[in-house]
Amino acid sequence: MKIKRNESFRYHFDEPITGEFYLVKEGRRTPAGSMEIYNISPSGIAIATPLKLPIDRSTSIVVEFSLLLGAEPLKVSGQILHEKWTEAQRLYGVRLETTKEDQQRIIEAIKQIVKETP
């Protein structure tokens, strides 16, 4: 089997990671809301929140989270692609607008999590 090393991957958390987000539209920012991260890749994230978020190309979402305790939070903007109901929350798929440096930080944090997971 040939492995494509440049193919994106997605890491699913056993326990969701908490973080915050806010929306930006036409230069105006909403108050911060709380979220849980269920999975992540270098260019995408699945978050859950009880709030109804607009799926609108003119609205961007800014997520702020830390995958490792004590690590500096990562703050990345993105676009909400889709929504799905899960129990009392809504699950959103977000395409992140990450730099190469952001992607590398995400990959290194995931490697550290995998290494520390029994």
PDB file of N, CA and C in Angstrom:
ATOM      1  N   MET A   1       0.834  -1.175   0.000  1.00  0.00           N
ATOM      2  CA  MET A   1       0.000   0.000   0.000  1.00  0.00           C
ATOM      3  C   MET A   1       0.882   1.242   0.000  1.00  0.00           C
ATOM      4  N   LYS A   2       0.625   2.152  -0.897  1.00  0.00           N
ATOM      5  CA  LYS A   2       1.396   3.380  -0.984  1.00  0.00           C
ATOM      6  C   LYS A   2       0.819   4.417  -0.017  1.00  0.00           C
ATOM      7  N   ILE A   3       1.681   5.044   0.787  1.00  0.00           N
ATOM      8  CA  ILE A   3       1.256   6.055   1.741  1.00  0.00           C
ATOM      9  C   ILE A   3       1.522   7.425   1.157  1.00  0.00           C
ATOM     10  N   LYS A   4       0.511   8.265   1.181  1.00  0.00           N
ATOM     11  CA  LYS A   4       0.656   9.630   0.692  1.00  0.00           C
ATOM     12  C   LYS A   4       1.010  10.509   1.887  1.00  0.00           C
ATOM     13  N   ARG A   5       2.262  10.878   2.027  1.00  0.00           N
ATOM     14  CA  ARG A   5       2.747  11.647   3.170  1.00  0.00           C
ATOM     15  C   ARG A   5       2.173  13.060   3.224  1.00  0.00           C
ATOM     16  N   ASN A   6       1.793  13.621   2.082  1.00  0.00           N
ATOM     17  CA  ASN A   6       1.269  14.979   2.082  1.00  0.00           C
ATOM     18  C   ASN A   6      -0.252  15.019   2.244  1.00  0.00           C
ATOM     19  N   GLU A   7      -0.870  13.853   2.397  1.00  0.00           N
ATOM     20  CA  GLU A   7      -2.313  13.789   2.571  1.00  0.00           C
ATOM     21  C   GLU A   7      -2.674  14.225   3.994  1.00  0.00           C
ATOM     22  N   SER A   8      -3.719  15.023   4.122  1.00  0.00           N
ATOM     23  CA  SER A   8      -4.146  15.546   5.421  1.00  0.00           C
ATOM     24  C   SER A   8      -4.659  14.414   6.318  1.00  0.00           C
ATOM     25  N   PHE A   9      -4.577  14.627   7.607  1.00  0.00           N
ATOM     26  CA  PHE A   9      -5.097  13.667   8.572  1.00  0.00           C
ATOM     27  C   PHE A   9      -5.971  14.386   9.566  1.00  0.00           C
ATOM     28  N   ARG A  10      -6.757  13.636  10.308  1.00  0.00           N
ATOM     29  CA  ARG A  10      -7.645  14.193  11.316  1.00  0.00           C
ATOM     30  C   ARG A  10      -7.480  13.380  12.593  1.00  0.00           C
ATOM     31  N   TYR A  11      -7.286  14.083  13.719  1.00  0.00           N
ATOM     32  CA  TYR A  11      -7.124  13.431  15.015  1.00  0.00           C
ATOM     33  C   TYR A  11      -8.412  13.602  15.820  1.00  0.00           C
ATOM     34  N   HIS A  12      -8.964  12.487  16.319  1.00  0.00           N
ATOM     35  CA  HIS A  12     -10.188  12.483  17.125  1.00  0.00           C
ATOM     36  C   HIS A  12      -9.806  12.375  18.597  1.00  0.00           C
ATOM     37  N   PHE A  13     -10.283  13.315  19.419  1.00  0.00           N
ATOM     38  CA  PHE A  13      -9.984  13.326  20.842  1.00  0.00           C
ATOM     39  C   PHE A  13     -10.892  12.360  21.598  1.00  0.00           C
ATOM     40  N   ASP A  14     -10.314  11.637  22.581  1.00  0.00           N
ATOM     41  CA  ASP A  14     -11.121  10.775  23.441  1.00  0.00           C
ATOM     42  C   ASP A  14     -12.053  11.630  24.299  1.00  0.00           C
ATOM     43  N   GLU A  15     -11.523  12.699  24.844  1.00  0.00           N
ATOM     44  CA  GLU A  15     -12.292  13.685  25.616  1.00  0.00           C
ATOM     45  C   GLU A  15     -12.163  15.024  24.895  1.00  0.00           C
ATOM     46  N   PRO A  16     -13.278  15.712  24.652  1.00  0.00           N
ATOM     47  CA  PRO A  16     -13.187  16.982  23.928  1.00  0.00           C
ATOM     48  C   PRO A  16     -12.293  18.003  24.643  1.00  0.00           C
ATOM     49  N   ILE A  17     -11.631  18.826  23.855  1.00  0.00           N
ATOM     50  CA  ILE A  17     -10.797  19.923  24.340  1.00  0.00           C
ATOM     51  C   ILE A  17     -11.676  21.179  24.357  1.00  0.00           C
ATOM     52  N   THR A  18     -11.593  21.976  25.418  1.00  0.00           N
ATOM     53  CA  THR A  18     -12.392  23.194  25.480  1.00  0.00           C
ATOM     54  C   THR A  18     -11.636  24.377  24.897  1.00  0.00           C
ATOM     55  N   GLY A  19     -12.378  25.338  24.459  1.00  0.00           N
ATOM     56  CA  GLY A  19     -11.801  26.558  23.906  1.00  0.00           C
ATOM     57  C   GLY A  19     -12.874  27.615  23.778  1.00  0.00           C
ATOM     58  N   GLU A  20     -12.518  28.717  23.155  1.00  0.00           N
ATOM     59  CA  GLU A  20     -13.451  29.817  22.938  1.00  0.00           C
ATOM     60  C   GLU A  20     -13.463  30.198  21.470  1.00  0.00           C
ATOM     61  N   PHE A  21     -14.528  30.867  21.075  1.00  0.00           N
ATOM     62  CA  PHE A  21     -14.633  31.362  19.711  1.00  0.00           C
ATOM     63  C   PHE A  21     -15.405  32.674  19.722  1.00  0.00           C
ATOM     64  N   TYR A  22     -15.269  33.409  18.646  1.00  0.00           N
ATOM     65  CA  TYR A  22     -16.138  34.551  18.393  1.00  0.00           C
ATOM     66  C   TYR A  22     -16.300  34.694  16.893  1.00  0.00           C
ATOM     67  N   LEU A  23     -17.350  35.373  16.491  1.00  0.00           N
ATOM     68  CA  LEU A  23     -17.636  35.571  15.087  1.00  0.00           C
ATOM     69  C   LEU A  23     -17.277  36.995  14.690  1.00  0.00           C
ATOM     70  N   VAL A  24     -16.868  37.163  13.435  1.00  0.00           N
ATOM     71  CA  VAL A  24     -16.543  38.482  12.906  1.00  0.00           C
ATOM     72  C   VAL A  24     -17.299  38.654  11.589  1.00  0.00           C
ATOM     73  N   LYS A  25     -18.046  39.751  11.506  1.00  0.00           N
ATOM     74  CA  LYS A  25     -18.764  40.080  10.265  1.00  0.00           C
ATOM     75  C   LYS A  25     -18.711  41.582  10.073  1.00  0.00           C
ATOM     76  N   GLU A  26     -18.245  41.989   8.895  1.00  0.00           N
ATOM     77  CA  GLU A  26     -18.135  43.403   8.543  1.00  0.00           C
ATOM     78  C   GLU A  26     -17.373  44.189   9.617  1.00  0.00           C
ATOM     79  N   GLY A  27     -16.306  43.592  10.132  1.00  0.00           N
ATOM     80  CA  GLY A  27     -15.459  44.253  11.110  1.00  0.00           C
ATOM     81  C   GLY A  27     -15.992  44.270  12.528  1.00  0.00           C
ATOM     82  N   ARG A  28     -17.177  43.721  12.746  1.00  0.00           N
ATOM     83  CA  ARG A  28     -17.755  43.686  14.092  1.00  0.00           C
ATOM     84  C   ARG A  28     -17.591  42.293  14.685  1.00  0.00           C
ATOM     85  N   ARG A  29     -17.288  42.265  15.968  1.00  0.00           N
ATOM     86  CA  ARG A  29     -16.999  41.016  16.671  1.00  0.00           C
ATOM     87  C   ARG A  29     -18.089  40.735  17.704  1.00  0.00           C
ATOM     88  N   THR A  30     -18.474  39.462  17.817  1.00  0.00           N
ATOM     89  CA  THR A  30     -19.445  39.051  18.828  1.00  0.00           C
ATOM     90  C   THR A  30     -18.721  38.770  20.143  1.00  0.00           C
ATOM     91  N   PRO A  31     -19.450  38.697  21.248  1.00  0.00           N
ATOM     92  CA  PRO A  31     -18.812  38.246  22.499  1.00  0.00           C
ATOM     93  C   PRO A  31     -18.311  36.804  22.338  1.00  0.00           C
ATOM     94  N   ALA A  32     -17.348  36.432  23.165  1.00  0.00           N
ATOM     95  CA  ALA A  32     -16.779  35.074  23.085  1.00  0.00           C
ATOM     96  C   ALA A  32     -17.793  34.044  23.562  1.00  0.00           C
ATOM     97  N   GLY A  33     -17.767  32.896  22.912  1.00  0.00           N
ATOM     98  CA  GLY A  33     -18.597  31.757  23.303  1.00  0.00           C
ATOM     99  C   GLY A  33     -17.697  30.573  23.593  1.00  0.00           C
ATOM    100  N   SER A  34     -18.203  29.611  24.351  1.00  0.00           N
ATOM    101  CA  SER A  34     -17.394  28.429  24.658  1.00  0.00           C
ATOM    102  C   SER A  34     -17.682  27.324  23.643  1.00  0.00           C
ATOM    103  N   MET A  35     -16.677  26.481  23.442  1.00  0.00           N
ATOM    104  CA  MET A  35     -16.797  25.384  22.484  1.00  0.00           C
ATOM    105  C   MET A  35     -16.036  24.173  23.000  1.00  0.00           C
ATOM    106  N   GLU A  36     -16.343  23.034  22.429  1.00  0.00           N
ATOM    107  CA  GLU A  36     -15.587  21.803  22.654  1.00  0.00           C
ATOM    108  C   GLU A  36     -15.084  21.339  21.304  1.00  0.00           C
ATOM    109  N   ILE A  37     -13.818  20.915  21.263  1.00  0.00           N
ATOM    110  CA  ILE A  37     -13.213  20.426  20.027  1.00  0.00           C
ATOM    111  C   ILE A  37     -13.262  18.900  20.049  1.00  0.00           C
ATOM    112  N   TYR A  38     -13.865  18.315  19.024  1.00  0.00           N
ATOM    113  CA  TYR A  38     -13.981  16.860  18.942  1.00  0.00           C
ATOM    114  C   TYR A  38     -12.902  16.242  18.065  1.00  0.00           C
ATOM    115  N   ASN A  39     -12.509  16.946  17.012  1.00  0.00           N
ATOM    116  CA  ASN A  39     -11.408  16.464  16.182  1.00  0.00           C
ATOM    117  C   ASN A  39     -10.763  17.647  15.488  1.00  0.00           C
ATOM    118  N   ILE A  40      -9.540  17.411  15.019  1.00  0.00           N
ATOM    119  CA  ILE A  40      -8.772  18.500  14.407  1.00  0.00           C
ATOM    120  C   ILE A  40      -7.832  17.935  13.354  1.00  0.00           C
ATOM    121  N   SER A  41      -7.573  18.745  12.352  1.00  0.00           N
ATOM    122  CA  SER A  41      -6.542  18.469  11.357  1.00  0.00           C
ATOM    123  C   SER A  41      -5.785  19.777  11.172  1.00  0.00           C
ATOM    124  N   PRO A  42      -4.692  19.767  10.442  1.00  0.00           N
ATOM    125  CA  PRO A  42      -3.964  21.019  10.245  1.00  0.00           C
ATOM    126  C   PRO A  42      -4.787  22.108   9.554  1.00  0.00           C
ATOM    127  N   SER A  43      -5.860  21.728   8.871  1.00  0.00           N
ATOM    128  CA  SER A  43      -6.643  22.740   8.161  1.00  0.00           C
ATOM    129  C   SER A  43      -8.136  22.721   8.487  1.00  0.00           C
ATOM    130  N   GLY A  44      -8.532  21.985   9.524  1.00  0.00           N
ATOM    131  CA  GLY A  44      -9.942  21.921   9.869  1.00  0.00           C
ATOM    132  C   GLY A  44     -10.165  21.486  11.300  1.00  0.00           C
ATOM    133  N   ILE A  45     -11.376  21.754  11.794  1.00  0.00           N
ATOM    134  CA  ILE A  45     -11.691  21.454  13.181  1.00  0.00           C
ATOM    135  C   ILE A  45     -13.195  21.177  13.281  1.00  0.00           C
ATOM    136  N   ALA A  46     -13.565  20.280  14.166  1.00  0.00           N
ATOM    137  CA  ALA A  46     -14.977  20.025  14.459  1.00  0.00           C
ATOM    138  C   ALA A  46     -15.239  20.499  15.877  1.00  0.00           C
ATOM    139  N   ILE A  47     -16.143  21.475  16.016  1.00  0.00           N
ATOM    140  CA  ILE A  47     -16.440  22.034  17.320  1.00  0.00           C
ATOM    141  C   ILE A  47     -17.917  21.823  17.651  1.00  0.00           C
ATOM    142  N   ALA A  48     -18.219  21.814  18.944  1.00  0.00           N
ATOM    143  CA  ALA A  48     -19.600  21.716  19.397  1.00  0.00           C
ATOM    144  C   ALA A  48     -19.877  22.869  20.344  1.00  0.00           C
ATOM    145  N   THR A  49     -21.065  23.424  20.225  1.00  0.00           N
ATOM    146  CA  THR A  49     -21.516  24.501  21.088  1.00  0.00           C
ATOM    147  C   THR A  49     -23.041  24.453  21.131  1.00  0.00           C
ATOM    148  N   PRO A  50     -23.647  24.887  22.228  1.00  0.00           N
ATOM    149  CA  PRO A  50     -25.110  24.927  22.259  1.00  0.00           C
ATOM    150  C   PRO A  50     -25.684  26.092  21.437  1.00  0.00           C
ATOM    151  N   LEU A  51     -24.824  27.000  20.982  1.00  0.00           N
ATOM    152  CA  LEU A  51     -25.267  28.177  20.244  1.00  0.00           C
ATOM    153  C   LEU A  51     -25.512  27.872  18.773  1.00  0.00           C
ATOM    154  N   LYS A  52     -26.491  28.544  18.194  1.00  0.00           N
ATOM    155  CA  LYS A  52     -26.764  28.446  16.756  1.00  0.00           C
ATOM    156  C   LYS A  52     -25.867  29.467  16.056  1.00  0.00           C
ATOM    157  N   LEU A  53     -24.973  28.988  15.200  1.00  0.00           N
ATOM    158  CA  LEU A  53     -24.037  29.854  14.490  1.00  0.00           C
ATOM    159  C   LEU A  53     -24.452  29.982  13.027  1.00  0.00           C
ATOM    160  N   PRO A  54     -24.236  31.146  12.435  1.00  0.00           N
ATOM    161  CA  PRO A  54     -24.611  31.322  11.021  1.00  0.00           C
ATOM    162  C   PRO A  54     -23.606  30.644  10.094  1.00  0.00           C
ATOM    163  N   ILE A  55     -24.132  29.952   9.114  1.00  0.00           N
ATOM    164  CA  ILE A  55     -23.274  29.372   8.079  1.00  0.00           C
ATOM    165  C   ILE A  55     -23.361  30.331   6.902  1.00  0.00           C
ATOM    166  N   ASP A  56     -22.433  31.286   6.879  1.00  0.00           N
ATOM    167  CA  ASP A  56     -22.493  32.410   5.961  1.00  0.00           C
ATOM    168  C   ASP A  56     -21.067  32.766   5.545  1.00  0.00           C
ATOM    169  N   ARG A  57     -20.819  32.842   4.262  1.00  0.00           N
ATOM    170  CA  ARG A  57     -19.465  33.122   3.760  1.00  0.00           C
ATOM    171  C   ARG A  57     -18.944  34.488   4.198  1.00  0.00           C
ATOM    172  N   SER A  58     -19.842  35.428   4.501  1.00  0.00           N
ATOM    173  CA  SER A  58     -19.388  36.759   4.903  1.00  0.00           C
ATOM    174  C   SER A  58     -19.054  36.830   6.391  1.00  0.00           C
ATOM    175  N   THR A  59     -19.319  35.745   7.118  1.00  0.00           N
ATOM    176  CA  THR A  59     -19.019  35.690   8.545  1.00  0.00           C
ATOM    177  C   THR A  59     -17.870  34.717   8.768  1.00  0.00           C
ATOM    178  N   SER A  60     -16.826  35.174   9.454  1.00  0.00           N
ATOM    179  CA  SER A  60     -15.738  34.253   9.789  1.00  0.00           C
ATOM    180  C   SER A  60     -15.796  33.949  11.279  1.00  0.00           C
ATOM    181  N   ILE A  61     -15.260  32.825  11.638  1.00  0.00           N
ATOM    182  CA  ILE A  61     -15.195  32.413  13.030  1.00  0.00           C
ATOM    183  C   ILE A  61     -13.727  32.426  13.439  1.00  0.00           C
ATOM    184  N   VAL A  62     -13.457  32.897  14.643  1.00  0.00           N
ATOM    185  CA  VAL A  62     -12.101  32.880  15.176  1.00  0.00           C
ATOM    186  C   VAL A  62     -12.126  31.955  16.380  1.00  0.00           C
ATOM    187  N   VAL A  63     -11.326  30.889  16.329  1.00  0.00           N
ATOM    188  CA  VAL A  63     -11.259  29.926  17.427  1.00  0.00           C
ATOM    189  C   VAL A  63      -9.946  30.124  18.174  1.00  0.00           C
ATOM    190  N   GLU A  64     -10.005  29.958  19.491  1.00  0.00           N
ATOM    191  CA  GLU A  64      -8.816  30.078  20.330  1.00  0.00           C
ATOM    192  C   GLU A  64      -8.800  28.888  21.270  1.00  0.00           C
ATOM    193  N   PHE A  65      -7.705  28.122  21.230  1.00  0.00           N
ATOM    194  CA  PHE A  65      -7.626  26.902  22.024  1.00  0.00           C
ATOM    195  C   PHE A  65      -6.175  26.516  22.239  1.00  0.00           C
ATOM    196  N   SER A  66      -5.974  25.639  23.199  1.00  0.00           N
ATOM    197  CA  SER A  66      -4.659  25.075  23.455  1.00  0.00           C
ATOM    198  C   SER A  66      -4.823  23.568  23.536  1.00  0.00           C
ATOM    199  N   LEU A  67      -4.081  22.841  22.735  1.00  0.00           N
ATOM    200  CA  LEU A  67      -4.184  21.380  22.733  1.00  0.00           C
ATOM    201  C   LEU A  67      -3.414  20.747  23.877  1.00  0.00           C
ATOM    202  N   LEU A  68      -2.413  21.459  24.406  1.00  0.00           N
ATOM    203  CA  LEU A  68      -1.587  20.940  25.487  1.00  0.00           C
ATOM    204  C   LEU A  68      -1.662  21.875  26.687  1.00  0.00           C
ATOM    205  N   LEU A  69      -1.707  21.313  27.891  1.00  0.00           N
ATOM    206  CA  LEU A  69      -1.725  22.128  29.094  1.00  0.00           C
ATOM    207  C   LEU A  69      -0.476  22.991  29.165  1.00  0.00           C
ATOM    208  N   GLY A  70      -0.664  24.247  29.484  1.00  0.00           N
ATOM    209  CA  GLY A  70       0.467  25.152  29.624  1.00  0.00           C
ATOM    210  C   GLY A  70       1.011  25.704  28.319  1.00  0.00           C
ATOM    211  N   ALA A  71       0.493  25.231  27.199  1.00  0.00           N
ATOM    212  CA  ALA A  71       0.973  25.729  25.902  1.00  0.00           C
ATOM    213  C   ALA A  71       0.254  27.034  25.554  1.00  0.00           C
ATOM    214  N   GLU A  72       0.929  27.860  24.786  1.00  0.00           N
ATOM    215  CA  GLU A  72       0.323  29.111  24.342  1.00  0.00           C
ATOM    216  C   GLU A  72      -0.873  28.799  23.441  1.00  0.00           C
ATOM    217  N   PRO A  73      -2.015  29.463  23.685  1.00  0.00           N
ATOM    218  CA  PRO A  73      -3.198  29.186  22.860  1.00  0.00           C
ATOM    219  C   PRO A  73      -2.965  29.537  21.391  1.00  0.00           C
ATOM    220  N   LEU A  74      -3.582  28.781  20.543  1.00  0.00           N
ATOM    221  CA  LEU A  74      -3.550  29.016  19.105  1.00  0.00           C
ATOM    222  C   LEU A  74      -4.826  29.773  18.745  1.00  0.00           C
ATOM    223  N   LYS A  75      -4.696  30.846  17.997  1.00  0.00           N
ATOM    224  CA  LYS A  75      -5.841  31.667  17.597  1.00  0.00           C
ATOM    225  C   LYS A  75      -5.879  31.695  16.080  1.00  0.00           C
ATOM    226  N   VAL A  76      -6.926  31.079  15.497  1.00  0.00           N
ATOM    227  CA  VAL A  76      -7.009  30.915  14.055  1.00  0.00           C
ATOM    228  C   VAL A  76      -8.422  31.268  13.584  1.00  0.00           C
ATOM    229  N   SER A  77      -8.512  31.932  12.452  1.00  0.00           N
ATOM    230  CA  SER A  77      -9.825  32.208  11.882  1.00  0.00           C
ATOM    231  C   SER A  77     -10.171  31.127  10.865  1.00  0.00           C
ATOM    232  N   GLY A  78     -11.442  31.070  10.517  1.00  0.00           N
ATOM    233  CA  GLY A  78     -11.896  30.069   9.570  1.00  0.00           C
ATOM    234  C   GLY A  78     -13.310  30.351   9.094  1.00  0.00           C
ATOM    235  N   GLN A  79     -13.847  29.406   8.333  1.00  0.00           N
ATOM    236  CA  GLN A  79     -15.197  29.488   7.799  1.00  0.00           C
ATOM    237  C   GLN A  79     -15.984  28.259   8.245  1.00  0.00           C
ATOM    238  N   ILE A  80     -17.200  28.478   8.706  1.00  0.00           N
ATOM    239  CA  ILE A  80     -18.072  27.365   9.084  1.00  0.00           C
ATOM    240  C   ILE A  80     -18.606  26.739   7.805  1.00  0.00           C
ATOM    241  N   LEU A  81     -18.408  25.429   7.665  1.00  0.00           N
ATOM    242  CA  LEU A  81     -18.829  24.738   6.445  1.00  0.00           C
ATOM    243  C   LEU A  81     -20.162  24.023   6.586  1.00  0.00           C
ATOM    244  N   HIS A  82     -20.393  23.416   7.760  1.00  0.00           N
ATOM    245  CA  HIS A  82     -21.633  22.658   7.932  1.00  0.00           C
ATOM    246  C   HIS A  82     -21.996  22.551   9.403  1.00  0.00           C
ATOM    247  N   GLU A  83     -23.246  22.139   9.644  1.00  0.00           N
ATOM    248  CA  GLU A  83     -23.794  22.024  10.992  1.00  0.00           C
ATOM    249  C   GLU A  83     -24.524  20.691  11.116  1.00  0.00           C
ATOM    250  N   LYS A  84     -24.458  20.102  12.322  1.00  0.00           N
ATOM    251  CA  LYS A  84     -25.141  18.834  12.578  1.00  0.00           C
ATOM    252  C   LYS A  84     -25.568  18.825  14.051  1.00  0.00           C
ATOM    253  N   TRP A  85     -26.775  18.368  14.317  1.00  0.00           N
ATOM    254  CA  TRP A  85     -27.251  18.252  15.704  1.00  0.00           C
ATOM    255  C   TRP A  85     -26.648  17.034  16.382  1.00  0.00           C
ATOM    256  N   THR A  86     -26.175  17.196  17.625  1.00  0.00           N
ATOM    257  CA  THR A  86     -25.738  16.071  18.451  1.00  0.00           C
ATOM    258  C   THR A  86     -26.260  16.315  19.859  1.00  0.00           C
ATOM    259  N   GLU A  87     -27.230  15.550  20.277  1.00  0.00           N
ATOM    260  CA  GLU A  87     -27.854  15.687  21.598  1.00  0.00           C
ATOM    261  C   GLU A  87     -28.275  17.129  21.839  1.00  0.00           C
ATOM    262  N   ALA A  88     -27.703  17.818  22.844  1.00  0.00           N
ATOM    263  CA  ALA A  88     -28.116  19.184  23.178  1.00  0.00           C
ATOM    264  C   ALA A  88     -27.223  20.236  22.537  1.00  0.00           C
ATOM    265  N   GLN A  89     -26.332  19.817  21.654  1.00  0.00           N
ATOM    266  CA  GLN A  89     -25.402  20.764  21.048  1.00  0.00           C
ATOM    267  C   GLN A  89     -25.454  20.669  19.533  1.00  0.00           C
ATOM    268  N   ARG A  90     -24.826  21.642  18.917  1.00  0.00           N
ATOM    269  CA  ARG A  90     -24.654  21.618  17.465  1.00  0.00           C
ATOM    270  C   ARG A  90     -23.172  21.377  17.183  1.00  0.00           C
ATOM    271  N   LEU A  91     -22.912  20.501  16.232  1.00  0.00           N
ATOM    272  CA  LEU A  91     -21.541  20.198  15.827  1.00  0.00           C
ATOM    273  C   LEU A  91     -21.292  20.940  14.514  1.00  0.00           C
ATOM    274  N   TYR A  92     -20.193  21.711  14.478  1.00  0.00           N
ATOM    275  CA  TYR A  92     -19.850  22.491  13.296  1.00  0.00           C
ATOM    276  C   TYR A  92     -18.515  22.053  12.731  1.00  0.00           C
ATOM    277  N   GLY A  93     -18.461  21.952  11.427  1.00  0.00           N
ATOM    278  CA  GLY A  93     -17.203  21.719  10.726  1.00  0.00           C
ATOM    279  C   GLY A  93     -16.661  23.060  10.273  1.00  0.00           C
ATOM    280  N   VAL A  94     -15.412  23.337  10.614  1.00  0.00           N
ATOM    281  CA  VAL A  94     -14.805  24.624  10.300  1.00  0.00           C
ATOM    282  C   VAL A  94     -13.527  24.400   9.499  1.00  0.00           C
ATOM    283  N   ARG A  95     -13.422  25.088   8.360  1.00  0.00           N
ATOM    284  CA  ARG A  95     -12.178  25.076   7.589  1.00  0.00           C
ATOM    285  C   ARG A  95     -11.313  26.205   8.137  1.00  0.00           C
ATOM    286  N   LEU A  96     -10.155  25.852   8.680  1.00  0.00           N
ATOM    287  CA  LEU A  96      -9.259  26.835   9.280  1.00  0.00           C
ATOM    288  C   LEU A  96      -8.378  27.490   8.221  1.00  0.00           C
ATOM    289  N   GLU A  97      -8.120  28.756   8.399  1.00  0.00           N
ATOM    290  CA  GLU A  97      -7.215  29.498   7.519  1.00  0.00           C
ATOM    291  C   GLU A  97      -5.862  29.551   8.224  1.00  0.00           C
ATOM    292  N   THR A  98      -5.163  28.424   8.205  1.00  0.00           N
ATOM    293  CA  THR A  98      -3.913  28.289   8.944  1.00  0.00           C
ATOM    294  C   THR A  98      -2.707  28.614   8.074  1.00  0.00           C
ATOM    295  N   THR A  99      -1.688  29.135   8.731  1.00  0.00           N
ATOM    296  CA  THR A  99      -0.392  29.336   8.079  1.00  0.00           C
ATOM    297  C   THR A  99       0.381  28.027   8.201  1.00  0.00           C
ATOM    298  N   LYS A 100       1.493  27.931   7.517  1.00  0.00           N
ATOM    299  CA  LYS A 100       2.361  26.748   7.651  1.00  0.00           C
ATOM    300  C   LYS A 100       2.814  26.593   9.103  1.00  0.00           C
ATOM    301  N   GLU A 101       3.091  27.721   9.768  1.00  0.00           N
ATOM    302  CA  GLU A 101       3.515  27.693  11.167  1.00  0.00           C
ATOM    303  C   GLU A 101       2.386  27.167  12.067  1.00  0.00           C
ATOM    304  N   ASP A 102       1.144  27.628  11.833  1.00  0.00           N
ATOM    305  CA  ASP A 102      -0.008  27.137  12.600  1.00  0.00           C
ATOM    306  C   ASP A 102      -0.175  25.630  12.390  1.00  0.00           C
ATOM    307  N   GLN A 103      -0.084  25.196  11.142  1.00  0.00           N
ATOM    308  CA  GLN A 103      -0.236  23.774  10.833  1.00  0.00           C
ATOM    309  C   GLN A 103       0.824  22.950  11.549  1.00  0.00           C
ATOM    310  N   GLN A 104       2.050  23.445  11.565  1.00  0.00           N
ATOM    311  CA  GLN A 104       3.138  22.727  12.234  1.00  0.00           C
ATOM    312  C   GLN A 104       2.889  22.657  13.744  1.00  0.00           C
ATOM    313  N   ARG A 105       2.397  23.745  14.338  1.00  0.00           N
ATOM    314  CA  ARG A 105       2.075  23.741  15.777  1.00  0.00           C
ATOM    315  C   ARG A 105       0.992  22.713  16.091  1.00  0.00           C
ATOM    316  N   ILE A 106      -0.020  22.625  15.232  1.00  0.00           N
ATOM    317  CA  ILE A 106      -1.094  21.643  15.429  1.00  0.00           C
ATOM    318  C   ILE A 106      -0.544  20.232  15.321  1.00  0.00           C
ATOM    319  N   ILE A 107       0.268  19.975  14.308  1.00  0.00           N
ATOM    320  CA  ILE A 107       0.846  18.630  14.113  1.00  0.00           C
ATOM    321  C   ILE A 107       1.726  18.243  15.299  1.00  0.00           C
ATOM    322  N   GLU A 108       2.572  19.166  15.757  1.00  0.00           N
ATOM    323  CA  GLU A 108       3.464  18.868  16.892  1.00  0.00           C
ATOM    324  C   GLU A 108       2.657  18.604  18.166  1.00  0.00           C
ATOM    325  N   ALA A 109       1.586  19.371  18.383  1.00  0.00           N
ATOM    326  CA  ALA A 109       0.743  19.159  19.568  1.00  0.00           C
ATOM    327  C   ALA A 109       0.054  17.800  19.497  1.00  0.00           C
ATOM    328  N   ILE A 110      -0.429  17.419  18.332  1.00  0.00           N
ATOM    329  CA  ILE A 110      -1.080  16.113  18.175  1.00  0.00           C
ATOM    330  C   ILE A 110      -0.075  14.990  18.426  1.00  0.00           C
ATOM    331  N   LYS A 111       1.132  15.131  17.907  1.00  0.00           N
ATOM    332  CA  LYS A 111       2.171  14.120  18.151  1.00  0.00           C
ATOM    333  C   LYS A 111       2.433  13.970  19.643  1.00  0.00           C
ATOM    334  N   GLN A 112       2.487  15.096  20.355  1.00  0.00           N
ATOM    335  CA  GLN A 112       2.717  15.064  21.804  1.00  0.00           C
ATOM    336  C   GLN A 112       1.556  14.378  22.518  1.00  0.00           C
ATOM    337  N   ILE A 113       0.324  14.661  22.110  1.00  0.00           N
ATOM    338  CA  ILE A 113      -0.850  14.036  22.718  1.00  0.00           C
ATOM    339  C   ILE A 113      -0.807  12.528  22.493  1.00  0.00           C
ATOM    340  N   VAL A 114      -0.491  12.109  21.279  1.00  0.00           N
ATOM    341  CA  VAL A 114      -0.432  10.677  20.962  1.00  0.00           C
ATOM    342  C   VAL A 114       0.646   9.993  21.788  1.00  0.00           C
ATOM    343  N   LYS A 115       1.783  10.644  21.942  1.00  0.00           N
ATOM    344  CA  LYS A 115       2.887  10.093  22.712  1.00  0.00           C
ATOM    345  C   LYS A 115       2.514   9.907  24.179  1.00  0.00           C
ATOM    346  N   GLU A 116       1.736  10.855  24.739  1.00  0.00           N
ATOM    347  CA  GLU A 116       1.355  10.806  26.153  1.00  0.00           C
ATOM    348  C   GLU A 116       0.140   9.950  26.435  1.00  0.00           C
ATOM    349  N   THR A 117      -0.594   9.560  25.406  1.00  0.00           N
ATOM    350  CA  THR A 117      -1.799   8.744  25.570  1.00  0.00           C
ATOM    351  C   THR A 117      -1.410   7.278  25.753  1.00  0.00           C
ATOM    352  N   PRO A 118      -1.906   6.653  26.839  1.00  0.00           N
ATOM    353  CA  PRO A 118      -1.545   5.232  27.073  1.00  0.00           C
ATOM    354  C   PRO A 118      -2.170   4.288  26.081  1.00  0.00           C
TER     355      PRO A 118
END
